[in-house]
Amino acid sequence: MTDTLTVTVLGTGIMGAAMARNLARAGHTVRAWNRTRAKAEPLTADGVLVAGTPAEAVEGAGVVLTMLYDGPAALDAMREAAPALRPGAVWAQCGTAGTEALGDLAAFAREHGLVFFDAPVLGTRQPAEAGQLLVLAAGPAGHRSVVTPVFDAIGSRTVWTGEDGTAGSATRLKLVANSWVVAATAATGETLALAKALGVDPQDFFDAIDGGPLDMGYLRAKARLILDGELTPAQFSVATAAKDARLIVRAGEEHGVRLDVAAASAARMERAAAQGHADEDMAAAYFASFGEAGAASA
């Protein structure tokens, strides 16, 4: 391919590792860093150079992707990378940072002469591994030709929301989308918990809604993980879902909107995490319905 780049991925968790692999498969030179280096080391088998520090990872990179837990974590990594950042390089912030953090991220980009793209991705482990994420992006049109081959390598589609990445239009869309994901996941768990409590066979519920407007693939996919006990490896973890739900609640509060379902979903995810399900798929919030131990099986 002709549009090959040197791309750095900071943060190689569930999503970041898959993104780094797909970038390497697309022919880009890929450098990666993770706070726990052992989690990044398997990427060497895919031709990714694993660096010991963020500064080593961004050396010579034209594009830097951050895929870290939240905005402060992304900013910390970029501060560590600062001595080696190339002025004029593109920084695509791909994690769910929330609206509160964007001001600090944008200020850092301006201070270091970086071209900032607000580019959170929508999807979980499977679409990430398949290079089928949805990229929600905002950034200057004059630099989109640089990031297009990167976004094409990690996603099936890019939805552009604006030309000013610092305005947060892509992040706001991501929070809206995630509010639906979190609510639907919490509702799935509660529905199965109620069925269990009332002695209703879950299949009878699925038969009742089959093919109608209440039926949807996401409900069935998350329910199947619960019923089959296939909550690891996580597609999207309980702990991360709890964090995102809190970002959604705070964004609503900033704009005068009370989000009762998101707040309850956040509490539910946090309770499941405290019961020992933090690293399991977010569907494991199901267990939050069953007392402090959360020990009930599906």
Protein backbone atom coordinates (compact mmCIF):
# COMPACT_ATOMS: atom_id res chain seq x y z
CA MET A 1 0.00 0.00 0.00
CA THR A 2 1.15 3.59 -0.55
CA ASP A 3 -0.27 5.30 2.53
CA THR A 4 1.96 3.58 5.08
CA LEU A 5 2.70 5.43 8.27
CA THR A 6 4.53 5.10 11.53
CA VAL A 7 1.73 4.81 14.08
CA THR A 8 2.01 4.59 17.85
CA VAL A 9 -0.66 2.98 20.01
CA LEU A 10 -0.55 3.98 23.67
CA GLY A 11 -2.65 1.52 25.66
CA THR A 12 -2.94 -2.12 24.56
CA GLY A 13 -5.89 -3.46 26.47
CA ILE A 14 -8.79 -5.29 24.84
CA MET A 15 -9.27 -2.63 22.18
CA GLY A 16 -5.80 -1.16 21.80
CA ALA A 17 -4.10 -4.50 21.21
CA ALA A 18 -6.55 -5.36 18.44
CA MET A 19 -6.11 -1.94 16.88
CA ALA A 20 -2.31 -2.29 16.90
CA ARG A 21 -2.53 -5.71 15.22
CA ASN A 22 -4.82 -4.44 12.49
CA LEU A 23 -2.61 -1.44 11.85
CA ALA A 24 0.39 -3.75 11.43
CA ARG A 25 -1.59 -6.04 9.14
CA ALA A 26 -2.46 -3.02 7.00
CA GLY A 27 1.25 -2.45 6.42
CA HIS A 28 1.91 0.40 8.83
CA THR A 29 4.96 0.54 11.06
CA VAL A 30 3.46 0.19 14.52
CA ARG A 31 4.93 0.97 17.91
CA ALA A 32 3.02 0.20 21.10
CA TRP A 33 3.25 0.87 24.80
CA ASN A 34 1.25 -0.34 27.77
CA ARG A 35 1.63 0.50 31.45
CA THR A 36 1.93 -3.23 32.15
CA ARG A 37 4.43 -4.20 29.47
CA ALA A 38 3.68 -7.93 29.68
CA LYS A 39 0.22 -7.27 28.26
CA ALA A 40 1.76 -5.68 25.18
CA GLU A 41 4.53 -8.21 24.55
CA PRO A 42 2.35 -10.66 22.54
CA LEU A 43 2.05 -7.96 19.87
CA THR A 44 5.65 -8.57 18.85
CA ALA A 45 4.45 -11.71 17.06
CA ASP A 46 2.40 -9.42 14.80
CA GLY A 47 5.37 -7.24 13.93
CA VAL A 48 4.61 -4.50 16.46
CA LEU A 49 7.56 -2.90 18.24
CA VAL A 50 6.77 -2.84 21.97
CA ALA A 51 8.42 0.09 23.73
CA GLY A 52 9.31 0.46 27.39
CA THR A 53 8.12 4.05 27.74
CA PRO A 54 5.63 6.32 25.98
CA ALA A 55 8.51 8.50 24.80
CA GLU A 56 10.21 5.52 23.14
CA ALA A 57 6.92 4.51 21.57
CA VAL A 58 6.18 7.87 19.90
CA GLU A 59 9.70 8.39 18.52
CA GLY A 60 9.28 9.26 14.84
CA ALA A 61 5.52 8.61 14.79
CA GLY A 62 3.34 10.61 12.45
CA VAL A 63 0.16 9.44 14.19
CA VAL A 64 -0.33 8.66 17.87
CA LEU A 65 -3.43 6.83 19.05
CA THR A 66 -4.35 6.80 22.73
CA MET A 67 -6.63 3.97 23.83
CA LEU A 68 -6.46 4.26 27.60
CA TYR A 69 -8.90 3.97 30.50
CA ASP A 70 -10.00 7.59 30.59
CA GLY A 71 -8.96 11.16 29.82
CA PRO A 72 -6.53 11.59 32.75
CA ALA A 73 -4.81 8.31 31.84
CA ALA A 74 -4.41 9.45 28.24
CA LEU A 75 -3.02 12.79 29.36
CA ASP A 76 -0.55 11.13 31.74
CA ALA A 77 0.76 8.92 28.93
CA MET A 78 1.10 11.85 26.55
CA ARG A 79 2.95 13.88 29.17
CA GLU A 80 5.42 11.01 29.50
CA ALA A 81 5.71 10.93 25.72
CA ALA A 82 6.16 14.70 25.41
CA PRO A 83 9.98 14.79 25.02
CA ALA A 84 9.79 12.66 21.88
CA LEU A 85 6.59 13.95 20.28
CA ARG A 86 7.08 15.33 16.80
CA PRO A 87 5.54 18.80 16.29
CA GLY A 88 2.82 18.54 13.67
CA ALA A 89 2.11 14.89 14.46
CA VAL A 90 -1.50 13.79 14.64
CA TRP A 91 -2.93 12.73 18.00
CA ALA A 92 -6.13 10.70 17.75
CA GLN A 93 -7.72 10.23 21.17
CA CYS A 94 -9.68 6.99 20.68
CA GLY A 95 -10.77 6.08 24.20
CA THR A 96 -13.90 7.21 26.02
CA ALA A 97 -12.51 10.25 27.79
CA GLY A 98 -15.72 12.06 28.68
CA THR A 99 -16.45 15.73 28.13
CA GLU A 100 -14.73 16.99 31.29
CA ALA A 101 -11.29 15.83 30.18
CA LEU A 102 -11.29 17.28 26.67
CA GLY A 103 -10.17 20.74 27.71
CA ASP A 104 -6.97 19.41 29.25
CA LEU A 105 -6.31 17.12 26.27
CA ALA A 106 -6.84 19.97 23.81
CA ALA A 107 -4.57 22.27 25.81
CA PHE A 108 -1.80 19.67 25.75
CA ALA A 109 -2.18 19.26 21.98
CA ARG A 110 -1.91 23.01 21.43
CA GLU A 111 1.08 23.32 23.76
CA HIS A 112 3.00 20.64 21.85
CA GLY A 113 1.93 21.57 18.33
CA LEU A 114 -0.08 18.42 17.74
CA VAL A 115 -3.03 18.07 15.38
CA PHE A 116 -5.81 16.82 17.64
CA PHE A 117 -8.54 14.42 16.55
CA ASP A 118 -11.36 13.50 18.91
CA ALA A 119 -11.89 9.93 17.67
CA PRO A 120 -13.55 7.55 20.14
CA VAL A 121 -14.39 4.14 18.73
CA LEU A 122 -17.65 2.25 19.12
CA GLY A 123 -17.44 -1.52 19.43
CA THR A 124 -16.17 -4.36 21.59
CA ARG A 125 -13.53 -7.10 21.42
CA GLN A 126 -14.85 -8.98 18.37
CA PRO A 127 -15.30 -6.00 16.02
CA ALA A 128 -11.98 -4.60 17.25
CA GLU A 129 -10.19 -7.82 16.38
CA ALA A 130 -11.91 -7.91 12.98
CA GLY A 131 -11.04 -4.28 12.21
CA GLN A 132 -14.75 -3.47 12.16
CA LEU A 133 -15.00 -0.71 14.76
CA LEU A 134 -17.08 2.38 14.14
CA VAL A 135 -14.84 5.44 14.41
CA LEU A 136 -16.57 8.61 15.56
CA ALA A 137 -14.23 11.42 14.60
CA ALA A 138 -13.82 15.17 14.63
CA GLY A 139 -10.76 16.97 13.36
CA PRO A 140 -9.45 19.38 10.72
CA ALA A 141 -10.36 18.47 7.16
CA GLY A 142 -6.89 19.42 5.97
CA HIS A 143 -5.34 16.58 7.98
CA ARG A 144 -7.93 13.87 7.46
CA SER A 145 -5.92 12.31 4.65
CA VAL A 146 -3.30 11.43 7.26
CA VAL A 147 -5.68 9.64 9.63
CA THR A 148 -7.94 8.06 7.00
CA PRO A 149 -5.66 5.04 6.36
CA VAL A 150 -5.34 4.59 10.12
CA PHE A 151 -9.08 4.70 10.73
CA ASP A 152 -9.64 2.42 7.72
CA ALA A 153 -7.33 -0.17 9.28
CA ILE A 154 -9.16 -0.28 12.61
CA GLY A 155 -12.74 0.36 11.54
CA SER A 156 -15.36 -0.46 8.97
CA ARG A 157 -16.66 3.11 8.86
CA THR A 158 -15.79 6.60 10.07
CA VAL A 159 -18.55 9.02 11.02
CA TRP A 160 -17.29 12.62 10.92
CA THR A 161 -18.93 14.91 13.43
CA GLY A 162 -17.02 18.15 12.92
CA GLU A 163 -13.73 19.85 12.06
CA ASP A 164 -12.72 20.89 15.56
CA GLY A 165 -11.58 17.93 17.61
CA THR A 166 -11.31 20.08 20.72
CA ALA A 167 -15.05 20.87 20.62
CA GLY A 168 -15.84 17.28 21.63
CA SER A 169 -18.61 16.52 19.14
CA ALA A 170 -17.37 12.95 18.61
CA THR A 171 -17.04 12.33 22.34
CA ARG A 172 -20.56 13.60 22.90
CA LEU A 173 -21.90 11.23 20.26
CA LYS A 174 -19.95 8.37 21.87
CA LEU A 175 -21.52 9.10 25.26
CA VAL A 176 -24.99 9.11 23.71
CA ALA A 177 -24.32 5.76 22.01
CA ASN A 178 -22.81 4.28 25.16
CA SER A 179 -25.80 5.40 27.22
CA TRP A 180 -27.92 3.07 25.10
CA VAL A 181 -25.40 0.23 25.34
CA VAL A 182 -25.17 0.49 29.13
CA ALA A 183 -28.95 0.74 29.56
CA ALA A 184 -29.62 -2.21 27.26
CA THR A 185 -27.02 -4.35 29.04
CA ALA A 186 -28.38 -3.53 32.49
CA ALA A 187 -31.93 -4.21 31.33
CA THR A 188 -30.90 -7.57 29.88
CA GLY A 189 -29.40 -8.66 33.19
CA GLU A 190 -32.39 -7.50 35.20
CA THR A 191 -34.81 -9.26 32.86
CA LEU A 192 -32.98 -12.57 33.24
CA ALA A 193 -32.69 -12.07 37.00
CA LEU A 194 -36.43 -11.48 37.28
CA ALA A 195 -37.13 -14.53 35.12
CA LYS A 196 -34.99 -16.63 37.44
CA ALA A 197 -36.70 -15.25 40.53
CA LEU A 198 -40.17 -15.90 39.12
CA GLY A 199 -39.37 -19.33 37.75
CA VAL A 200 -39.80 -18.26 34.13
CA ASP A 201 -37.78 -20.10 31.48
CA PRO A 202 -35.78 -17.39 29.62
CA GLN A 203 -36.54 -19.17 26.36
CA ASP A 204 -40.24 -18.50 26.92
CA PHE A 205 -39.41 -14.79 27.07
CA PHE A 206 -37.41 -14.96 23.86
CA ASP A 207 -40.19 -16.90 22.14
CA ALA A 208 -42.71 -14.27 23.24
CA ILE A 209 -40.78 -11.35 21.69
CA ASP A 210 -39.41 -13.29 18.70
CA GLY A 211 -39.44 -11.21 15.53
CA GLY A 212 -41.33 -8.33 17.10
CA PRO A 213 -40.30 -4.75 17.85
CA LEU A 214 -39.04 -5.73 21.33
CA ASP A 215 -36.61 -8.28 19.94
CA MET A 216 -33.02 -7.32 19.14
CA GLY A 217 -29.73 -9.03 18.48
CA TYR A 218 -27.87 -7.24 21.25
CA LEU A 219 -30.33 -8.52 23.87
CA ARG A 220 -29.90 -12.08 22.68
CA ALA A 221 -26.09 -11.81 22.46
CA LYS A 222 -25.66 -10.49 25.99
CA ALA A 223 -28.26 -12.89 27.40
CA ARG A 224 -26.45 -15.81 25.81
CA LEU A 225 -23.19 -14.83 27.53
CA ILE A 226 -25.01 -14.89 30.87
CA LEU A 227 -26.94 -18.09 30.30
CA ASP A 228 -23.93 -19.97 28.92
CA GLY A 229 -21.53 -18.60 31.53
CA GLU A 230 -19.22 -17.22 28.85
CA LEU A 231 -18.33 -13.94 30.51
CA THR A 232 -14.60 -14.24 29.94
CA PRO A 233 -12.76 -13.08 28.02
CA ALA A 234 -14.76 -9.87 28.24
CA GLN A 235 -16.02 -8.17 25.12
CA PHE A 236 -16.26 -5.03 27.25
CA SER A 237 -15.58 -5.25 30.96
CA VAL A 238 -17.84 -4.45 33.89
CA ALA A 239 -15.26 -2.03 35.30
CA THR A 240 -14.97 -0.07 32.07
CA ALA A 241 -18.74 0.02 31.62
CA ALA A 242 -19.08 1.43 35.15
CA LYS A 243 -16.55 4.15 34.31
CA ASP A 244 -18.36 5.04 31.09
CA ALA A 245 -21.72 5.14 32.84
CA ARG A 246 -20.34 7.64 35.34
CA LEU A 247 -18.99 9.79 32.49
CA ILE A 248 -22.45 9.72 30.93
CA VAL A 249 -24.11 10.78 34.18
CA ARG A 250 -21.65 13.65 34.66
CA ALA A 251 -22.10 14.84 31.09
CA GLY A 252 -25.84 14.95 31.66
CA GLU A 253 -25.38 16.88 34.89
CA GLU A 254 -23.15 19.42 33.14
CA HIS A 255 -26.00 20.15 30.75
CA GLY A 256 -28.86 20.10 33.23
CA VAL A 257 -30.16 16.63 32.40
CA ARG A 258 -30.90 14.00 35.03
CA LEU A 259 -30.09 10.51 33.76
CA ASP A 260 -31.69 8.13 36.25
CA VAL A 261 -31.20 4.98 34.18
CA ALA A 262 -27.52 5.73 33.56
CA ALA A 263 -26.97 6.46 37.25
CA ALA A 264 -28.68 3.23 38.28
CA SER A 265 -26.72 1.30 35.65
CA ALA A 266 -23.46 2.76 36.94
CA ALA A 267 -24.33 1.69 40.50
CA ARG A 268 -25.29 -1.74 39.22
CA MET A 269 -21.99 -2.15 37.35
CA GLU A 270 -20.04 -0.95 40.39
CA ARG A 271 -21.85 -3.43 42.63
CA ALA A 272 -21.04 -6.29 40.27
CA ALA A 273 -17.41 -5.18 40.17
CA ALA A 274 -17.27 -5.17 43.97
CA GLN A 275 -18.65 -8.72 43.93
CA GLY A 276 -15.64 -9.87 41.91
CA HIS A 277 -16.90 -9.45 38.33
CA ALA A 278 -14.90 -6.34 37.37
CA ASP A 279 -12.90 -8.02 34.59
CA GLU A 280 -15.78 -10.06 33.20
CA ASP A 281 -18.01 -8.98 30.35
CA MET A 282 -20.34 -6.14 31.25
CA ALA A 283 -23.23 -8.60 31.00
CA ALA A 284 -22.01 -9.88 34.38
CA ALA A 285 -23.86 -6.93 35.93
CA TYR A 286 -26.60 -9.57 36.02
CA PHE A 287 -25.11 -10.81 39.30
CA ALA A 288 -25.74 -7.46 40.97
CA SER A 289 -29.37 -8.56 41.31
CA PHE A 290 -28.52 -11.24 43.82
CA GLY A 291 -27.46 -9.76 47.13
CA GLU A 292 -24.06 -8.77 48.34
CA ALA A 293 -22.33 -11.95 47.21
CA GLY A 294 -23.84 -11.91 43.72
CA ALA A 295 -23.34 -15.62 43.77
CA ALA A 296 -26.45 -16.78 41.97
CA SER A 297 -25.92 -18.62 38.70
CA ALA A 298 -27.93 -17.93 35.59
